[in-house]
Amino acid sequence: MPEHHSDDEYLTAIREGNQTTSEIADAVGVARQSAYERLHTLRENGKVRKEKIGNSLRWETTEAE
């Protein structure tokens, strides 16, 4: 069964300091791969951006603070 979580849940997780794909997945309660796929979609829609740091991706929202 597919996991259904809103974009806002992912954006909130990022705003609360969960910035790696794994941290965001844990905060939302989904598998890392599911989080990566949703974050990739959010990136395509201009809501988040990513930065590669070592072997990890760090995500942040594109909204003004």
PDB file of N, CA and C in Angstrom:
ATOM      1  N   MET A   1       0.850  -1.185   0.000  1.00  0.00           N
ATOM      2  CA  MET A   1       0.000   0.000   0.000  1.00  0.00           C
ATOM      3  C   MET A   1       0.893   1.244   0.000  1.00  0.00           C
ATOM      4  N   PRO A   2       0.648   2.185  -0.894  1.00  0.00           N
ATOM      5  CA  PRO A   2       1.481   3.394  -0.947  1.00  0.00           C
ATOM      6  C   PRO A   2       1.327   4.235   0.316  1.00  0.00           C
ATOM      7  N   GLU A   3       2.383   4.927   0.656  1.00  0.00           N
ATOM      8  CA  GLU A   3       2.364   5.806   1.818  1.00  0.00           C
ATOM      9  C   GLU A   3       1.857   7.171   1.381  1.00  0.00           C
ATOM     10  N   HIS A   4       0.923   7.723   2.142  1.00  0.00           N
ATOM     11  CA  HIS A   4       0.345   9.016   1.784  1.00  0.00           C
ATOM     12  C   HIS A   4       0.697  10.049   2.846  1.00  0.00           C
ATOM     13  N   HIS A   5       1.554  10.952   2.480  1.00  0.00           N
ATOM     14  CA  HIS A   5       1.946  12.040   3.368  1.00  0.00           C
ATOM     15  C   HIS A   5       1.958  13.312   2.529  1.00  0.00           C
ATOM     16  N   SER A   6       1.560  14.405   3.146  1.00  0.00           N
ATOM     17  CA  SER A   6       1.472  15.666   2.412  1.00  0.00           C
ATOM     18  C   SER A   6       2.847  16.295   2.200  1.00  0.00           C
ATOM     19  N   ASP A   7       2.912  17.153   1.194  1.00  0.00           N
ATOM     20  CA  ASP A   7       4.137  17.925   0.969  1.00  0.00           C
ATOM     21  C   ASP A   7       4.499  18.707   2.220  1.00  0.00           C
ATOM     22  N   ASP A   8       3.480  19.237   2.903  1.00  0.00           N
ATOM     23  CA  ASP A   8       3.737  20.028   4.110  1.00  0.00           C
ATOM     24  C   ASP A   8       4.444  19.226   5.191  1.00  0.00           C
ATOM     25  N   GLU A   9       4.174  17.925   5.277  1.00  0.00           N
ATOM     26  CA  GLU A   9       4.870  17.105   6.271  1.00  0.00           C
ATOM     27  C   GLU A   9       6.371  17.070   5.968  1.00  0.00           C
ATOM     28  N   TYR A  10       6.716  16.968   4.703  1.00  0.00           N
ATOM     29  CA  TYR A  10       8.126  16.955   4.312  1.00  0.00           C
ATOM     30  C   TYR A  10       8.755  18.321   4.550  1.00  0.00           C
ATOM     31  N   LEU A  11       8.060  19.379   4.173  1.00  0.00           N
ATOM     32  CA  LEU A  11       8.597  20.732   4.351  1.00  0.00           C
ATOM     33  C   LEU A  11       8.755  21.064   5.831  1.00  0.00           C
ATOM     34  N   THR A  12       7.805  20.636   6.646  1.00  0.00           N
ATOM     35  CA  THR A  12       7.902  20.863   8.086  1.00  0.00           C
ATOM     36  C   THR A  12       9.099  20.118   8.668  1.00  0.00           C
ATOM     37  N   ALA A  13       9.303  18.894   8.243  1.00  0.00           N
ATOM     38  CA  ALA A  13      10.450  18.114   8.728  1.00  0.00           C
ATOM     39  C   ALA A  13      11.757  18.838   8.415  1.00  0.00           C
ATOM     40  N   ILE A  14      11.858  19.401   7.215  1.00  0.00           N
ATOM     41  CA  ILE A  14      13.070  20.142   6.834  1.00  0.00           C
ATOM     42  C   ILE A  14      13.216  21.377   7.707  1.00  0.00           C
ATOM     43  N   ARG A  15      12.136  22.131   7.875  1.00  0.00           N
ATOM     44  CA  ARG A  15      12.182  23.356   8.686  1.00  0.00           C
ATOM     45  C   ARG A  15      12.574  23.071  10.131  1.00  0.00           C
ATOM     46  N   GLU A  16      12.210  21.878  10.618  1.00  0.00           N
ATOM     47  CA  GLU A  16      12.520  21.522  12.005  1.00  0.00           C
ATOM     48  C   GLU A  16      13.940  21.008  12.180  1.00  0.00           C
ATOM     49  N   GLY A  17      14.745  21.053  11.113  1.00  0.00           N
ATOM     50  CA  GLY A  17      16.152  20.710  11.229  1.00  0.00           C
ATOM     51  C   GLY A  17      16.530  19.334  10.712  1.00  0.00           C
ATOM     52  N   ASN A  18      15.573  18.585  10.210  1.00  0.00           N
ATOM     53  CA  ASN A  18      15.863  17.282   9.609  1.00  0.00           C
ATOM     54  C   ASN A  18      16.220  17.554   8.154  1.00  0.00           C
ATOM     55  N   GLN A  19      17.492  17.425   7.817  1.00  0.00           N
ATOM     56  CA  GLN A  19      17.888  17.875   6.489  1.00  0.00           C
ATOM     57  C   GLN A  19      18.433  16.792   5.580  1.00  0.00           C
ATOM     58  N   THR A  20      18.883  15.667   6.109  1.00  0.00           N
ATOM     59  CA  THR A  20      19.330  14.610   5.203  1.00  0.00           C
ATOM     60  C   THR A  20      18.108  13.785   4.798  1.00  0.00           C
ATOM     61  N   THR A  21      18.238  13.057   3.715  1.00  0.00           N
ATOM     62  CA  THR A  21      17.132  12.235   3.245  1.00  0.00           C
ATOM     63  C   THR A  21      16.684  11.275   4.340  1.00  0.00           C
ATOM     64  N   SER A  22      17.625  10.636   5.017  1.00  0.00           N
ATOM     65  CA  SER A  22      17.287   9.680   6.080  1.00  0.00           C
ATOM     66  C   SER A  22      16.592  10.356   7.257  1.00  0.00           C
ATOM     67  N   GLU A  23      17.073  11.529   7.661  1.00  0.00           N
ATOM     68  CA  GLU A  23      16.441  12.256   8.769  1.00  0.00           C
ATOM     69  C   GLU A  23      15.013  12.645   8.418  1.00  0.00           C
ATOM     70  N   ILE A  24      14.815  13.111   7.195  1.00  0.00           N
ATOM     71  CA  ILE A  24      13.470  13.499   6.754  1.00  0.00           C
ATOM     72  C   ILE A  24      12.561  12.274   6.716  1.00  0.00           C
ATOM     73  N   ALA A  25      13.077  11.164   6.187  1.00  0.00           N
ATOM     74  CA  ALA A  25      12.293   9.924   6.137  1.00  0.00           C
ATOM     75  C   ALA A  25      11.861   9.512   7.543  1.00  0.00           C
ATOM     76  N   ASP A  26      12.774   9.556   8.506  1.00  0.00           N
ATOM     77  CA  ASP A  26      12.450   9.191   9.884  1.00  0.00           C
ATOM     78  C   ASP A  26      11.403  10.128  10.474  1.00  0.00           C
ATOM     79  N   ALA A  27      11.557  11.422  10.227  1.00  0.00           N
ATOM     80  CA  ALA A  27      10.623  12.405  10.782  1.00  0.00           C
ATOM     81  C   ALA A  27       9.217  12.235  10.211  1.00  0.00           C
ATOM     82  N   VAL A  28       9.126  11.927   8.921  1.00  0.00           N
ATOM     83  CA  VAL A  28       7.822  11.770   8.279  1.00  0.00           C
ATOM     84  C   VAL A  28       7.251  10.386   8.546  1.00  0.00           C
ATOM     85  N   GLY A  29       8.126   9.400   8.739  1.00  0.00           N
ATOM     86  CA  GLY A  29       7.680   8.040   8.987  1.00  0.00           C
ATOM     87  C   GLY A  29       7.539   7.207   7.724  1.00  0.00           C
ATOM     88  N   VAL A  30       8.480   7.405   6.790  1.00  0.00           N
ATOM     89  CA  VAL A  30       8.477   6.660   5.530  1.00  0.00           C
ATOM     90  C   VAL A  30       9.861   6.057   5.298  1.00  0.00           C
ATOM     91  N   ALA A  31       9.934   5.167   4.325  1.00  0.00           N
ATOM     92  CA  ALA A  31      11.218   4.593   3.928  1.00  0.00           C
ATOM     93  C   ALA A  31      12.073   5.670   3.269  1.00  0.00           C
ATOM     94  N   ARG A  32      13.393   5.526   3.359  1.00  0.00           N
ATOM     95  CA  ARG A  32      14.303   6.513   2.784  1.00  0.00           C
ATOM     96  C   ARG A  32      14.048   6.702   1.293  1.00  0.00           C
ATOM     97  N   GLN A  33      13.835   5.624   0.565  1.00  0.00           N
ATOM     98  CA  GLN A  33      13.595   5.730  -0.878  1.00  0.00           C
ATOM     99  C   GLN A  33      12.311   6.508  -1.170  1.00  0.00           C
ATOM    100  N   SER A  34      11.275   6.288  -0.382  1.00  0.00           N
ATOM    101  CA  SER A  34      10.018   7.038  -0.564  1.00  0.00           C
ATOM    102  C   SER A  34      10.253   8.523  -0.319  1.00  0.00           C
ATOM    103  N   ALA A  35      11.025   8.840   0.725  1.00  0.00           N
ATOM    104  CA  ALA A  35      11.335  10.240   1.018  1.00  0.00           C
ATOM    105  C   ALA A  35      12.125  10.855  -0.132  1.00  0.00           C
ATOM    106  N   TYR A  36      13.114  10.115  -0.643  1.00  0.00           N
ATOM    107  CA  TYR A  36      13.928  10.645  -1.740  1.00  0.00           C
ATOM    108  C   TYR A  36      13.048  10.956  -2.949  1.00  0.00           C
ATOM    109  N   GLU A  37      12.150  10.060  -3.293  1.00  0.00           N
ATOM    110  CA  GLU A  37      11.283  10.274  -4.455  1.00  0.00           C
ATOM    111  C   GLU A  37      10.401  11.505  -4.276  1.00  0.00           C
ATOM    112  N   ARG A  38       9.831  11.678  -3.074  1.00  0.00           N
ATOM    113  CA  ARG A  38       8.975  12.849  -2.828  1.00  0.00           C
ATOM    114  C   ARG A  38       9.813  14.122  -2.832  1.00  0.00           C
ATOM    115  N   LEU A  39      10.998  14.079  -2.224  1.00  0.00           N
ATOM    116  CA  LEU A  39      11.865  15.254  -2.202  1.00  0.00           C
ATOM    117  C   LEU A  39      12.301  15.631  -3.613  1.00  0.00           C
ATOM    118  N   HIS A  40      12.551  14.647  -4.448  1.00  0.00           N
ATOM    119  CA  HIS A  40      12.911  14.909  -5.841  1.00  0.00           C
ATOM    120  C   HIS A  40      11.756  15.631  -6.549  1.00  0.00           C
ATOM    121  N   THR A  41      10.528  15.197  -6.305  1.00  0.00           N
ATOM    122  CA  THR A  41       9.357  15.858  -6.889  1.00  0.00           C
ATOM    123  C   THR A  41       9.228  17.282  -6.368  1.00  0.00           C
ATOM    124  N   LEU A  42       9.423  17.463  -5.067  1.00  0.00           N
ATOM    125  CA  LEU A  42       9.371  18.808  -4.496  1.00  0.00           C
ATOM    126  C   LEU A  42      10.444  19.701  -5.103  1.00  0.00           C
ATOM    127  N   ARG A  43      11.595  19.136  -5.386  1.00  0.00           N
ATOM    128  CA  ARG A  43      12.678  19.893  -6.036  1.00  0.00           C
ATOM    129  C   ARG A  43      12.272  20.298  -7.447  1.00  0.00           C
ATOM    130  N   GLU A  44      11.684  19.383  -8.189  1.00  0.00           N
ATOM    131  CA  GLU A  44      11.219  19.702  -9.547  1.00  0.00           C
ATOM    132  C   GLU A  44      10.174  20.805  -9.532  1.00  0.00           C
ATOM    133  N   ASN A  45       9.392  20.877  -8.447  1.00  0.00           N
ATOM    134  CA  ASN A  45       8.355  21.898  -8.314  1.00  0.00           C
ATOM    135  C   ASN A  45       8.867  23.185  -7.668  1.00  0.00           C
ATOM    136  N   GLY A  46      10.173  23.250  -7.402  1.00  0.00           N
ATOM    137  CA  GLY A  46      10.790  24.465  -6.881  1.00  0.00           C
ATOM    138  C   GLY A  46      10.575  24.720  -5.404  1.00  0.00           C
ATOM    139  N   LYS A  47      10.139  23.707  -4.643  1.00  0.00           N
ATOM    140  CA  LYS A  47       9.870  23.915  -3.220  1.00  0.00           C
ATOM    141  C   LYS A  47      11.062  23.631  -2.325  1.00  0.00           C
ATOM    142  N   VAL A  48      11.993  22.800  -2.800  1.00  0.00           N
ATOM    143  CA  VAL A  48      13.201  22.502  -2.032  1.00  0.00           C
ATOM    144  C   VAL A  48      14.397  22.497  -2.972  1.00  0.00           C
ATOM    145  N   ARG A  49      15.560  22.587  -2.388  1.00  0.00           N
ATOM    146  CA  ARG A  49      16.803  22.422  -3.149  1.00  0.00           C
ATOM    147  C   ARG A  49      17.675  21.449  -2.383  1.00  0.00           C
ATOM    148  N   LYS A  50      18.648  20.859  -3.081  1.00  0.00           N
ATOM    149  CA  LYS A  50      19.515  19.887  -2.433  1.00  0.00           C
ATOM    150  C   LYS A  50      20.968  20.258  -2.638  1.00  0.00           C
ATOM    151  N   GLU A  51      21.781  19.766  -1.720  1.00  0.00           N
ATOM    152  CA  GLU A  51      23.224  19.949  -1.794  1.00  0.00           C
ATOM    153  C   GLU A  51      23.856  18.624  -1.403  1.00  0.00           C
ATOM    154  N   LYS A  52      24.804  18.166  -2.192  1.00  0.00           N
ATOM    155  CA  LYS A  52      25.487  16.909  -1.885  1.00  0.00           C
ATOM    156  C   LYS A  52      26.646  17.214  -0.954  1.00  0.00           C
ATOM    157  N   ILE A  53      26.664  16.512   0.164  1.00  0.00           N
ATOM    158  CA  ILE A  53      27.737  16.655   1.142  1.00  0.00           C
ATOM    159  C   ILE A  53      28.251  15.258   1.423  1.00  0.00           C
ATOM    160  N   GLY A  54      29.439  14.948   0.937  1.00  0.00           N
ATOM    161  CA  GLY A  54      29.975  13.595   1.076  1.00  0.00           C
ATOM    162  C   GLY A  54      29.073  12.619   0.354  1.00  0.00           C
ATOM    163  N   ASN A  55      28.585  11.615   1.072  1.00  0.00           N
ATOM    164  CA  ASN A  55      27.672  10.636   0.494  1.00  0.00           C
ATOM    165  C   ASN A  55      26.217  10.953   0.791  1.00  0.00           C
ATOM    166  N   SER A  56      25.951  12.100   1.399  1.00  0.00           N
ATOM    167  CA  SER A  56      24.591  12.458   1.800  1.00  0.00           C
ATOM    168  C   SER A  56      24.067  13.638   0.988  1.00  0.00           C
ATOM    169  N   LEU A  57      22.746  13.720   0.927  1.00  0.00           N
ATOM    170  CA  LEU A  57      22.094  14.890   0.352  1.00  0.00           C
ATOM    171  C   LEU A  57      21.501  15.692   1.492  1.00  0.00           C
ATOM    172  N   ARG A  58      21.731  17.000   1.471  1.00  0.00           N
ATOM    173  CA  ARG A  58      21.137  17.904   2.451  1.00  0.00           C
ATOM    174  C   ARG A  58      20.069  18.697   1.723  1.00  0.00           C
ATOM    175  N   TRP A  59      18.870  18.720   2.272  1.00  0.00           N
ATOM    176  CA  TRP A  59      17.735  19.381   1.657  1.00  0.00           C
ATOM    177  C   TRP A  59      17.379  20.633   2.452  1.00  0.00           C
ATOM    178  N   GLU A  60      16.908  21.661   1.752  1.00  0.00           N
ATOM    179  CA  GLU A  60      16.391  22.847   2.426  1.00  0.00           C
ATOM    180  C   GLU A  60      15.241  23.397   1.600  1.00  0.00           C
ATOM    181  N   THR A  61      14.377  24.116   2.264  1.00  0.00           N
ATOM    182  CA  THR A  61      13.241  24.726   1.563  1.00  0.00           C
ATOM    183  C   THR A  61      13.739  25.932   0.783  1.00  0.00           C
ATOM    184  N   THR A  62      13.010  26.304  -0.242  1.00  0.00           N
ATOM    185  CA  THR A  62      13.379  27.459  -1.048  1.00  0.00           C
ATOM    186  C   THR A  62      12.647  28.723  -0.597  1.00  0.00           C
ATOM    187  N   GLU A  63      11.771  28.599   0.400  1.00  0.00           N
ATOM    188  CA  GLU A  63      11.024  29.754   0.862  1.00  0.00           C
ATOM    189  C   GLU A  63      11.910  30.691   1.657  1.00  0.00           C
ATOM    190  N   ALA A  64      11.558  31.957   1.636  1.00  0.00           N
ATOM    191  CA  ALA A  64      12.326  32.952   2.384  1.00  0.00           C
ATOM    192  C   ALA A  64      12.115  32.732   3.874  1.00  0.00           C
ATOM    193  N   GLU A  65      13.166  32.888   4.622  1.00  0.00           N
ATOM    194  CA  GLU A  65      13.079  32.723   6.095  1.00  0.00           C
ATOM    195  C   GLU A  65      12.563  33.984   6.726  1.00  0.00           C
TER     196      GLU A  65
END
